[in-house]
Amino acid sequence: MPLDDTDHTYRIPGATGDWEIVVGLEVHAQVKSKAKLFSGAATEFGAEPNTQVSLVDVAMPGMLPVINEMCVAQAVRTGLGLNAQINAFSRFDRKNYFYPDLPQGYQISQFKHPIVGEGEIECERDDGSRFIVGIERLHLEQDAGKSIHDLDPNATYVDLNRSGVALMEIVSRPHVRSPGDAAAYVRTLRTILRYLDTCGGDMEKGQLRADVNVSVCKPGAYEKFMETGSFEHLGTRCEIKNVNSLRFIQQAIEYEAQRQIDIIEDGGKIDQETRLFDANTGVTRSMRSKEEAHDYRYFPDPDLLPLELEDSFIADIKAKLPELPSGKRKRFIEQLGLSEYDASVLTADKDRADYFEAVLAGGADAKLVANWVNNELFGRLNKESLPITESPVSADQLAGIVGQIADGSISGKIGKQVFEIVWEEGGDPREIVESRGLKQVSDTGAIEKVVDELIAANPEQAAQVKDKPKTMGWFVGQVMKAMQGKANPQAVNEILQKKLLG
């Protein structure tokens, strides 16, 4: 579908008229790497506390950070996937801020010279329409550790396993205008990262989380901002930190926007601040006043040389980029003849797209394969709450089922029966069809015998078919029932038409 083909303006009614929201997001994506950004410590999720910590991570005297080339390559790869400018020169800075769980007392990040500059991504809404969100920058930085407050009423424990883990902070332009679009943007971004294999994207494991900046304004103000680039046309923004689910992102924006509107309409003023979202109550609460860049006292990290990337380094990564969701969706539509809907569903997740293409390699028609993957397989997976990576029916097995439907060996109804057997018991679909006598009957003589018996037993209904052709469906059902669903439906219809309609 085209970009912005309908009016998606999201307005909130207030006592003084309608309000609109403006949202920008800072998404922290954990870099997919076996080692941390500046040390060789492991990054595996779920390890015992403080078992994946090096002397660099705990800031022991004399321990110097060393940049992980893999993390640099992953950032470049991500930037290319976001259609963004890759900066040949970038630099690491110290962001001076008190982190109780970051032993250095500062965070190594990138400020004025990020590794990736401006880009944009195309996002898809639930209704299939699409919109563009600009990317302001992507920079590399280290994560902090984790403070644990519920193990002892009188003490806070610190787990430094995450301290130093590489993050990509992906900063969007304030181009998001509704809670739903915010979720669609993060979902699209996560899909791209997974296709690129630069981030696992599991929000429950902390691999992806978002800081959500929300402000409200009157209709027309955003258009003035877009024309002039001046933020004075927009309201004061508040940042909601570390939101870790798409549903919570929407809930946080809805609550925060209404909170700001209520304050303004009561004659109050919005304080620029950092807030937290409470998923249990659905409200945001104040955490601290919002810091500006100068509050962090950034300065170049003296222990790290600037990054200077050679053109060949960037070109090599670009040459190895995989097909991304938008390109795959376009190919599925234009080359395979799939509908917009089917193509979007199949490409929304890399594992799903890979599974579909593996089934398609069996040689069956793409539309038939898409129908079975999207309906039969996903329907059953959703019912059982299973990811596609844990499907009891492999791509090869589903290809075996669909292939037999395509070549006329079995009917779609029998195909569902075989699918159920494979799901519960496993096995080769072709062997199952043979050993259990499920092969479709295409012998016209056998079908004709059953048809003749039915017509002879039901002369009045047979006579009605000429006046009401739709009633022939009853005979189709009876033939299929008599032949236990194994009759070739096309042959059944052809014989009945010949016998009943002449």
Protein backbone atom coordinates (compact mmCIF):
# COMPACT_ATOMS: atom_id res chain seq x y z
CA MET A 1 0.00 0.00 0.00
CA PRO A 2 1.16 3.59 -0.54
CA LEU A 3 2.70 5.79 2.11
CA ASP A 4 0.14 7.69 4.20
CA ASP A 5 -2.75 6.75 1.92
CA THR A 6 -5.31 7.78 4.56
CA ASP A 7 -5.49 10.34 7.34
CA HIS A 8 -3.78 8.84 10.38
CA THR A 9 -3.81 12.00 12.49
CA TYR A 10 -4.14 11.02 16.15
CA ARG A 11 -6.00 13.62 18.17
CA ILE A 12 -6.88 13.72 21.85
CA PRO A 13 -9.93 15.80 22.82
CA GLY A 14 -9.46 18.28 25.65
CA ALA A 15 -11.41 21.04 27.35
CA THR A 16 -9.80 23.64 25.10
CA GLY A 17 -10.08 21.61 21.90
CA ASP A 18 -8.11 18.85 20.25
CA TRP A 19 -4.47 18.08 20.96
CA GLU A 20 -1.84 16.21 18.98
CA ILE A 21 1.21 14.32 20.20
CA VAL A 22 4.79 14.30 19.01
CA VAL A 23 7.05 11.35 19.84
CA GLY A 24 10.74 10.69 19.34
CA LEU A 25 12.37 7.46 20.44
CA GLU A 26 15.85 6.50 21.57
CA VAL A 27 16.09 2.74 21.16
CA HIS A 28 18.91 0.90 22.94
CA ALA A 29 19.73 -2.27 21.03
CA GLN A 30 22.21 -4.74 22.48
CA VAL A 31 24.85 -5.57 19.88
CA LYS A 32 24.93 -9.24 18.96
CA SER A 33 28.47 -10.11 19.97
CA LYS A 34 30.08 -12.76 22.14
CA ALA A 35 32.27 -10.19 23.89
CA LYS A 36 31.67 -6.76 25.42
CA LEU A 37 32.42 -3.45 23.75
CA PHE A 38 35.77 -2.79 25.48
CA SER A 39 36.69 -6.15 27.04
CA GLY A 40 36.71 -9.85 26.25
CA ALA A 41 34.13 -10.75 28.91
CA ALA A 42 31.19 -12.87 27.76
CA THR A 43 27.70 -11.51 27.16
CA GLU A 44 25.53 -14.62 27.53
CA PHE A 45 22.09 -13.96 29.04
CA GLY A 46 21.12 -15.64 32.30
CA ALA A 47 24.60 -16.30 33.71
CA GLU A 48 25.15 -16.29 37.47
CA PRO A 49 25.66 -12.73 38.81
CA ASN A 50 29.15 -11.29 38.39
CA THR A 51 30.50 -14.29 36.46
CA GLN A 52 30.96 -12.40 33.17
CA VAL A 53 33.11 -9.55 34.38
CA SER A 54 36.68 -8.62 33.45
CA LEU A 55 39.13 -6.32 35.22
CA VAL A 56 38.25 -3.65 32.64
CA ASP A 57 34.55 -3.93 33.50
CA VAL A 58 35.20 -3.31 37.20
CA ALA A 59 37.56 -0.38 36.41
CA MET A 60 40.59 -1.79 38.16
CA PRO A 61 43.54 0.67 38.10
CA GLY A 62 45.63 0.46 34.97
CA MET A 63 43.04 -1.52 32.99
CA LEU A 64 42.46 0.12 29.60
CA PRO A 65 39.52 -0.38 27.22
CA VAL A 66 40.15 -1.97 23.82
CA ILE A 67 37.51 -1.56 21.12
CA ASN A 68 35.79 -4.73 19.89
CA GLU A 69 35.99 -4.72 16.07
CA MET A 70 32.95 -6.99 15.81
CA CYS A 71 30.81 -4.38 17.57
CA VAL A 72 32.03 -1.69 15.19
CA ALA A 73 31.16 -3.87 12.20
CA GLN A 74 27.70 -4.58 13.63
CA ALA A 75 27.04 -0.85 14.08
CA VAL A 76 28.08 -0.16 10.48
CA ARG A 77 25.95 -3.06 9.27
CA THR A 78 22.96 -1.66 11.16
CA GLY A 79 23.54 1.84 9.80
CA LEU A 80 23.56 0.52 6.25
CA GLY A 81 20.34 -1.37 6.95
CA LEU A 82 18.76 1.92 8.13
CA ASN A 83 19.73 3.67 4.89
CA ALA A 84 21.96 5.90 7.00
CA GLN A 85 25.21 7.77 6.50
CA ILE A 86 28.25 5.87 7.77
CA ASN A 87 30.80 8.23 9.27
CA ALA A 88 34.36 7.30 8.39
CA PHE A 89 35.48 9.27 11.46
CA SER A 90 33.90 8.81 14.87
CA ARG A 91 35.04 9.25 18.44
CA PHE A 92 34.32 7.91 21.90
CA ASP A 93 33.55 10.28 24.77
CA ARG A 94 33.19 10.00 28.49
CA LYS A 95 29.68 10.80 29.68
CA ASN A 96 30.16 11.82 33.29
CA TYR A 97 27.16 10.78 35.29
CA PHE A 98 26.66 8.85 38.50
CA TYR A 99 25.81 5.21 37.81
CA PRO A 100 25.78 3.13 41.01
CA ASP A 101 26.28 0.02 38.88
CA LEU A 102 28.97 1.34 36.48
CA PRO A 103 32.31 1.19 38.33
CA GLN A 104 34.14 3.77 36.18
CA GLY A 105 31.83 6.53 37.37
CA TYR A 106 31.26 7.50 33.72
CA GLN A 107 29.89 5.87 30.61
CA ILE A 108 31.92 5.52 27.42
CA SER A 109 29.62 6.71 24.65
CA GLN A 110 29.71 8.84 21.50
CA PHE A 111 28.55 12.45 21.50
CA LYS A 112 29.48 14.85 18.70
CA HIS A 113 30.94 12.26 16.36
CA PRO A 114 28.72 9.14 16.18
CA ILE A 115 29.58 6.19 13.98
CA VAL A 116 26.29 6.49 12.03
CA GLY A 117 24.53 9.66 10.91
CA GLU A 118 21.14 10.41 9.37
CA GLY A 119 18.94 7.75 7.77
CA GLU A 120 15.32 6.66 7.57
CA ILE A 121 13.13 3.57 7.72
CA GLU A 122 9.75 2.71 6.29
CA CYS A 123 7.31 1.42 8.90
CA GLU A 124 4.05 -0.48 8.46
CA ARG A 125 0.88 0.03 10.47
CA ASP A 126 -1.55 -2.72 11.37
CA ASP A 127 -3.84 -1.67 8.50
CA GLY A 128 -1.02 -2.13 5.98
CA SER A 129 -0.36 1.57 5.33
CA ARG A 130 3.21 2.78 5.69
CA PHE A 131 5.02 5.86 6.96
CA ILE A 132 8.59 7.13 7.11
CA VAL A 133 10.54 7.86 10.29
CA GLY A 134 13.82 9.70 10.07
CA ILE A 135 16.87 8.45 11.95
CA GLU A 136 18.98 11.19 13.52
CA ARG A 137 21.97 9.06 14.52
CA LEU A 138 23.24 5.74 15.81
CA HIS A 139 26.08 5.64 18.30
CA LEU A 140 27.89 2.95 20.25
CA GLU A 141 28.05 2.96 24.03
CA GLN A 142 28.55 0.59 26.95
CA ASP A 143 25.69 -0.62 29.11
CA ALA A 144 25.63 -0.28 32.88
CA GLY A 145 25.29 -3.12 35.38
CA LYS A 146 22.15 -3.93 37.32
CA SER A 147 21.19 -2.86 40.83
CA ILE A 148 19.06 -5.39 42.71
CA HIS A 149 16.97 -3.98 45.54
CA ASP A 150 14.73 -6.86 46.59
CA LEU A 151 17.22 -9.38 48.01
CA ASP A 152 17.81 -7.56 51.29
CA PRO A 153 15.74 -4.85 53.00
CA ASN A 154 18.90 -3.06 54.14
CA ALA A 155 21.21 -3.44 51.13
CA THR A 156 21.40 -3.13 47.37
CA TYR A 157 23.19 -5.82 45.41
CA VAL A 158 25.01 -5.12 42.15
CA ASP A 159 25.38 -7.52 39.21
CA LEU A 160 28.03 -6.34 36.74
CA ASN A 161 27.42 -8.96 34.07
CA ARG A 162 25.88 -6.32 31.77
CA SER A 163 28.46 -3.68 32.62
CA GLY A 164 30.31 -2.93 29.38
CA VAL A 165 27.91 -4.82 27.09
CA ALA A 166 27.80 -3.05 23.71
CA LEU A 167 24.69 -1.03 22.90
CA MET A 168 23.62 0.79 19.77
CA GLU A 169 21.54 3.82 20.68
CA ILE A 170 19.33 4.55 17.68
CA VAL A 171 17.80 8.03 17.90
CA SER A 172 14.77 8.84 15.77
CA ARG A 173 13.55 12.21 14.56
CA PRO A 174 10.30 13.37 16.22
CA HIS A 175 8.30 11.96 13.32
CA VAL A 176 6.03 9.61 15.28
CA ARG A 177 2.52 10.96 15.83
CA SER A 178 0.56 8.26 17.67
CA PRO A 179 1.00 5.46 20.22
CA GLY A 180 0.29 2.88 17.50
CA ASP A 181 2.87 4.40 15.17
CA ALA A 182 5.45 4.34 17.98
CA ALA A 183 4.89 0.60 18.43
CA ALA A 184 4.99 0.08 14.65
CA TYR A 185 8.31 1.96 14.45
CA VAL A 186 9.96 -0.11 17.20
CA ARG A 187 8.53 -3.32 15.73
CA THR A 188 9.90 -2.43 12.28
CA LEU A 189 13.27 -1.49 13.74
CA ARG A 190 13.45 -4.76 15.66
CA THR A 191 12.62 -6.72 12.50
CA ILE A 192 15.40 -4.97 10.57
CA LEU A 193 17.91 -5.66 13.35
CA ARG A 194 16.97 -9.33 13.36
CA TYR A 195 17.29 -9.61 9.59
CA LEU A 196 20.72 -7.98 9.85
CA ASP A 197 21.60 -10.31 12.76
CA THR A 198 23.01 -7.36 14.70
CA CYS A 199 20.64 -7.61 17.69
CA GLY A 200 18.47 -10.42 19.06
CA GLY A 201 15.67 -7.96 19.75
CA ASP A 202 14.27 -9.89 22.74
CA MET A 203 12.74 -7.14 24.88
CA GLU A 204 12.12 -9.51 27.80
CA LYS A 205 15.86 -10.19 28.01
CA GLY A 206 16.75 -6.49 27.84
CA GLN A 207 18.16 -6.79 24.32
CA LEU A 208 15.95 -3.94 23.15
CA ARG A 209 14.42 -1.14 25.15
CA ALA A 210 13.20 2.35 24.38
CA ASP A 211 13.38 5.79 25.92
CA VAL A 212 10.22 7.53 24.72
CA ASN A 213 10.10 11.35 24.41
CA VAL A 214 6.53 12.69 24.46
CA SER A 215 5.15 16.21 24.02
CA VAL A 216 1.73 17.60 23.09
CA CYS A 217 0.76 20.51 20.87
CA LYS A 218 -2.24 22.08 19.18
CA PRO A 219 -3.17 21.09 15.59
CA GLY A 220 -1.00 22.94 13.08
CA ALA A 221 1.99 23.35 15.39
CA TYR A 222 3.73 20.22 14.13
CA GLU A 223 3.43 21.36 10.53
CA LYS A 224 5.13 24.65 11.51
CA PHE A 225 7.91 22.65 13.18
CA MET A 226 8.39 20.58 10.02
CA GLU A 227 8.55 23.76 7.91
CA THR A 228 10.98 25.67 10.13
CA GLY A 229 12.80 22.95 12.08
CA SER A 230 12.28 25.04 15.21
CA PHE A 231 11.28 23.13 18.34
CA GLU A 232 9.64 26.27 19.78
CA HIS A 233 6.46 25.22 17.95
CA LEU A 234 6.27 22.00 19.97
CA GLY A 235 5.45 21.51 23.62
CA THR A 236 7.95 20.68 26.36
CA ARG A 237 8.88 17.01 26.15
CA CYS A 238 9.24 14.44 28.89
CA GLU A 239 11.35 11.32 28.51
CA ILE A 240 10.02 7.95 29.68
CA LYS A 241 13.00 5.68 30.38
CA ASN A 242 13.58 2.01 29.62
CA VAL A 243 10.21 0.87 28.30
CA ASN A 244 10.58 -2.78 27.39
CA SER A 245 7.50 -3.88 25.45
CA LEU A 246 5.49 -2.62 22.47
CA ARG A 247 2.30 -2.64 24.53
CA PHE A 248 3.92 -0.65 27.34
CA ILE A 249 5.24 1.90 24.83
CA GLN A 250 1.68 2.57 23.67
CA GLN A 251 0.29 2.69 27.20
CA ALA A 252 3.05 5.02 28.40
CA ILE A 253 2.49 7.47 25.54
CA GLU A 254 -1.28 7.49 26.03
CA TYR A 255 -0.99 8.17 29.74
CA GLU A 256 1.80 10.73 29.44
CA ALA A 257 0.05 12.70 26.69
CA GLN A 258 -3.15 12.90 28.72
CA ARG A 259 -1.19 13.90 31.84
CA GLN A 260 0.47 16.78 29.99
CA ILE A 261 -2.82 17.95 28.46
CA ASP A 262 -4.52 17.97 31.88
CA ILE A 263 -1.70 20.05 33.39
CA ILE A 264 -1.67 22.60 30.56
CA GLU A 265 -5.46 22.97 30.51
CA ASP A 266 -5.45 23.50 34.28
CA GLY A 267 -3.06 26.42 33.77
CA GLY A 268 0.08 24.56 34.72
CA LYS A 269 3.45 24.17 33.00
CA ILE A 270 5.19 21.01 31.84
CA ASP A 271 8.58 20.45 33.44
CA GLN A 272 11.16 18.83 31.20
CA GLU A 273 11.99 15.70 33.12
CA THR A 274 12.78 12.02 32.98
CA ARG A 275 9.97 9.71 34.03
CA LEU A 276 9.43 5.99 34.59
CA PHE A 277 6.47 3.91 33.43
CA ASP A 278 4.84 1.60 35.96
CA ALA A 279 3.44 -1.35 34.01
CA ASN A 280 1.32 -2.45 36.98
CA THR A 281 -0.56 0.83 37.35
CA GLY A 282 -0.24 2.12 33.77
CA VAL A 283 1.06 5.52 34.89
CA THR A 284 4.31 7.43 34.57
CA ARG A 285 6.06 8.95 37.57
CA SER A 286 8.83 11.49 37.92
CA MET A 287 12.36 10.11 38.19
CA ARG A 288 14.55 13.23 37.90
CA SER A 289 14.80 16.55 36.08
CA LYS A 290 15.87 16.09 32.45
CA GLU A 291 19.59 16.56 31.88
CA GLU A 292 21.01 18.40 28.89
CA ALA A 293 24.23 17.42 27.14
CA HIS A 294 26.30 19.96 29.06
CA ASP A 295 25.15 18.40 32.34
CA TYR A 296 27.04 15.24 31.45
CA ARG A 297 30.35 17.12 30.89
CA TYR A 298 31.27 15.10 27.81
CA PHE A 299 34.91 15.02 26.78
CA PRO A 300 36.90 12.72 24.45
CA ASP A 301 37.96 9.50 26.13
CA PRO A 302 41.76 9.75 26.43
CA ASP A 303 42.18 5.96 26.51
CA LEU A 304 40.59 5.38 23.09
CA LEU A 305 41.79 6.60 19.73
CA PRO A 306 39.20 7.93 17.27
CA LEU A 307 37.70 5.35 14.91
CA GLU A 308 38.73 5.86 11.29
CA LEU A 309 37.00 3.41 8.96
CA GLU A 310 38.47 2.57 5.59
CA ASP A 311 36.18 2.65 2.56
CA SER A 312 36.98 -1.00 1.89
CA PHE A 313 35.81 -1.96 5.41
CA ILE A 314 32.41 -0.32 4.83
CA ALA A 315 32.15 -1.64 1.26
CA ASP A 316 32.81 -5.21 2.38
CA ILE A 317 30.04 -5.04 4.98
CA LYS A 318 27.65 -3.47 2.47
CA ALA A 319 28.35 -6.22 -0.07
CA LYS A 320 27.34 -8.87 2.47
CA LEU A 321 24.07 -7.28 3.60
CA PRO A 322 21.12 -9.70 3.52
CA GLU A 323 17.84 -9.00 1.78
CA LEU A 324 15.91 -6.73 4.18
CA PRO A 325 12.17 -6.95 5.01
CA SER A 326 11.05 -4.22 2.60
CA GLY A 327 12.99 -5.75 -0.29
CA LYS A 328 11.78 -9.25 0.53
CA ARG A 329 8.17 -8.08 0.77
CA LYS A 330 8.44 -6.36 -2.62
CA ARG A 331 9.92 -9.51 -4.19
CA PHE A 332 7.19 -11.72 -2.71
CA ILE A 333 4.54 -9.45 -4.25
CA GLU A 334 6.11 -8.78 -7.63
CA GLN A 335 7.82 -12.08 -8.37
CA LEU A 336 5.74 -14.61 -6.43
CA GLY A 337 2.36 -12.95 -6.90
CA LEU A 338 1.49 -12.84 -3.20
CA SER A 339 -0.99 -10.32 -1.81
CA GLU A 340 0.22 -7.31 0.20
CA TYR A 341 -1.22 -8.92 3.31
CA ASP A 342 0.41 -12.33 2.85
CA ALA A 343 3.77 -10.76 1.96
CA SER A 344 3.67 -8.50 5.01
CA VAL A 345 2.77 -11.34 7.38
CA LEU A 346 5.53 -13.57 6.02
CA THR A 347 8.26 -10.92 6.13
CA ALA A 348 7.36 -9.50 9.54
CA ASP A 349 9.75 -11.98 11.13
CA LYS A 350 12.97 -13.37 9.68
CA ASP A 351 12.40 -16.91 10.97
CA ARG A 352 8.94 -16.87 9.42
CA ALA A 353 10.24 -15.67 6.04
CA ASP A 354 13.03 -18.26 6.09
CA TYR A 355 10.53 -21.02 6.87
CA PHE A 356 8.25 -19.94 4.02
CA GLU A 357 11.10 -19.91 1.51
CA ALA A 358 12.27 -23.32 2.69
CA VAL A 359 8.77 -24.74 2.06
CA LEU A 360 8.62 -22.92 -1.27
CA ALA A 361 11.83 -24.67 -2.32
CA GLY A 362 9.74 -27.86 -2.52
CA GLY A 363 8.32 -26.56 -5.79
CA ALA A 364 4.67 -25.86 -4.92
CA ASP A 365 2.81 -22.71 -5.94
CA ALA A 366 3.75 -19.70 -3.79
CA LYS A 367 0.14 -18.74 -3.03
CA LEU A 368 -0.68 -22.28 -1.87
CA VAL A 369 2.43 -22.36 0.30
CA ALA A 370 1.66 -18.91 1.78
CA ASN A 371 -1.88 -20.03 2.59
CA TRP A 372 -0.65 -23.10 4.46
CA VAL A 373 2.11 -21.29 6.31
CA ASN A 374 -0.01 -18.28 7.28
CA ASN A 375 -3.19 -20.17 8.15
CA GLU A 376 -2.61 -23.80 9.10
CA LEU A 377 0.90 -23.52 10.55
CA PHE A 378 0.71 -20.12 12.25
CA GLY A 379 -2.80 -20.82 13.47
CA ARG A 380 -1.63 -23.97 15.23
CA LEU A 381 1.58 -22.33 16.53
CA ASN A 382 -0.44 -19.46 18.01
CA LYS A 383 -2.86 -21.90 19.60
CA GLU A 384 0.02 -23.77 21.23
CA SER A 385 1.96 -20.53 22.03
CA LEU A 386 4.99 -21.80 20.15
CA PRO A 387 7.53 -19.78 18.14
CA ILE A 388 8.13 -20.95 14.58
CA THR A 389 11.63 -22.08 15.58
CA GLU A 390 9.97 -24.76 17.77
CA SER A 391 7.41 -25.93 15.22
CA PRO A 392 6.86 -29.73 15.40
CA VAL A 393 6.28 -29.61 11.62
CA SER A 394 9.51 -28.81 9.79
CA ALA A 395 9.67 -26.86 6.54
CA ASP A 396 10.55 -30.07 4.68
CA GLN A 397 7.55 -31.87 6.17
CA LEU A 398 5.16 -29.05 5.28
CA ALA A 399 6.63 -28.98 1.77
CA GLY A 400 5.82 -32.69 1.56
CA ILE A 401 2.19 -32.05 2.51
CA VAL A 402 1.69 -29.05 0.23
CA GLY A 403 3.49 -30.77 -2.62
CA GLN A 404 1.04 -33.69 -2.54
CA ILE A 405 -1.89 -31.27 -2.60
CA ALA A 406 -0.34 -29.46 -5.55
CA ASP A 407 0.18 -32.65 -7.59
CA GLY A 408 -3.29 -34.00 -6.80
CA SER A 409 -2.15 -36.88 -4.62
CA ILE A 410 -4.29 -35.68 -1.72
CA SER A 411 -7.04 -33.10 -1.22
CA GLY A 412 -6.75 -30.05 0.99
CA LYS A 413 -8.96 -31.77 3.56
CA ILE A 414 -6.73 -34.84 3.66
CA GLY A 415 -3.75 -32.46 3.79
CA LYS A 416 -5.06 -31.08 7.08
CA GLN A 417 -5.40 -34.62 8.38
CA VAL A 418 -1.80 -35.40 7.40
CA PHE A 419 -0.67 -32.12 8.99
CA GLU A 420 -2.28 -33.18 12.26
CA ILE A 421 -0.55 -36.59 12.13
CA VAL A 422 2.85 -35.02 11.44
CA TRP A 423 2.30 -32.45 14.23
CA GLU A 424 1.46 -35.14 16.79
CA GLU A 425 3.58 -38.08 15.61
CA GLY A 426 6.14 -36.77 13.11
CA GLY A 427 7.11 -38.78 10.05
CA ASP A 428 7.39 -38.39 6.28
CA PRO A 429 4.10 -37.01 4.83
CA ARG A 430 4.37 -39.11 1.65
CA GLU A 431 4.91 -42.31 3.63
CA ILE A 432 1.98 -41.41 5.88
CA VAL A 433 -0.31 -40.94 2.86
CA GLU A 434 0.76 -44.27 1.36
CA SER A 435 0.74 -46.37 4.54
CA ARG A 436 -2.64 -45.09 5.74
CA GLY A 437 -4.39 -45.22 2.39
CA LEU A 438 -5.05 -41.49 2.24
CA LYS A 439 -4.19 -41.01 -1.40
CA GLN A 440 -6.79 -39.11 -3.36
CA VAL A 441 -9.05 -41.15 -5.66
CA SER A 442 -8.91 -39.78 -9.20
CA ASP A 443 -10.29 -42.92 -10.80
CA THR A 444 -13.34 -41.53 -12.60
CA GLY A 445 -14.89 -45.00 -12.80
CA ALA A 446 -14.94 -45.37 -9.02
CA ILE A 447 -16.30 -41.85 -8.54
CA GLU A 448 -18.94 -42.34 -11.24
CA LYS A 449 -20.17 -45.52 -9.52
CA VAL A 450 -20.78 -43.62 -6.26
CA VAL A 451 -22.47 -40.74 -8.13
CA ASP A 452 -24.83 -43.11 -9.96
CA GLU A 453 -25.81 -44.78 -6.68
CA LEU A 454 -26.56 -41.42 -5.04
CA ILE A 455 -28.64 -40.17 -7.98
CA ALA A 456 -30.61 -43.41 -8.04
CA ALA A 457 -31.27 -43.15 -4.30
CA ASN A 458 -32.28 -39.46 -4.47
CA PRO A 459 -34.22 -38.92 -7.72
CA GLU A 460 -36.24 -35.92 -6.50
CA GLN A 461 -33.16 -33.98 -5.36
CA ALA A 462 -31.41 -34.89 -8.61
CA ALA A 463 -34.31 -33.43 -10.57
CA GLN A 464 -34.16 -30.15 -8.61
CA VAL A 465 -30.55 -29.50 -9.61
CA LYS A 466 -31.52 -28.41 -13.12
CA ASP A 467 -33.73 -25.64 -11.70
CA LYS A 468 -31.46 -24.85 -8.76
CA PRO A 469 -27.83 -25.63 -9.75
CA LYS A 470 -26.55 -24.60 -6.31
CA THR A 471 -28.22 -27.64 -4.79
CA MET A 472 -25.59 -29.77 -6.52
CA GLY A 473 -23.36 -28.98 -3.54
CA TRP A 474 -25.32 -31.48 -1.49
CA PHE A 475 -24.31 -34.24 -3.91
CA VAL A 476 -20.68 -33.12 -3.80
CA GLY A 477 -20.72 -33.44 -0.01
CA GLN A 478 -22.36 -36.86 -0.14
CA VAL A 479 -19.82 -38.18 -2.65
CA MET A 480 -16.92 -36.94 -0.54
CA LYS A 481 -18.51 -38.47 2.56
CA ALA A 482 -19.05 -41.80 0.85
CA MET A 483 -15.43 -41.85 -0.33
CA GLN A 484 -14.06 -40.72 3.06
CA GLY A 485 -12.82 -37.41 1.65
CA LYS A 486 -10.43 -39.12 -0.77
CA ALA A 487 -12.25 -38.31 -4.02
CA ASN A 488 -10.68 -35.74 -6.30
CA PRO A 489 -13.00 -32.70 -5.88
CA GLN A 490 -12.47 -31.55 -9.47
CA ALA A 491 -13.38 -34.96 -10.85
CA VAL A 492 -16.43 -35.13 -8.57
CA ASN A 493 -17.72 -31.78 -9.81
CA GLU A 494 -17.13 -32.63 -13.46
CA ILE A 495 -18.97 -35.96 -13.21
CA LEU A 496 -21.90 -34.45 -11.28
CA GLN A 497 -22.29 -31.65 -13.80
CA LYS A 498 -22.33 -34.15 -16.63
CA LYS A 499 -24.84 -36.40 -14.88
CA LEU A 500 -27.16 -33.77 -13.39
CA LEU A 501 -26.95 -30.81 -15.76
CA GLY A 502 -26.32 -32.69 -19.01
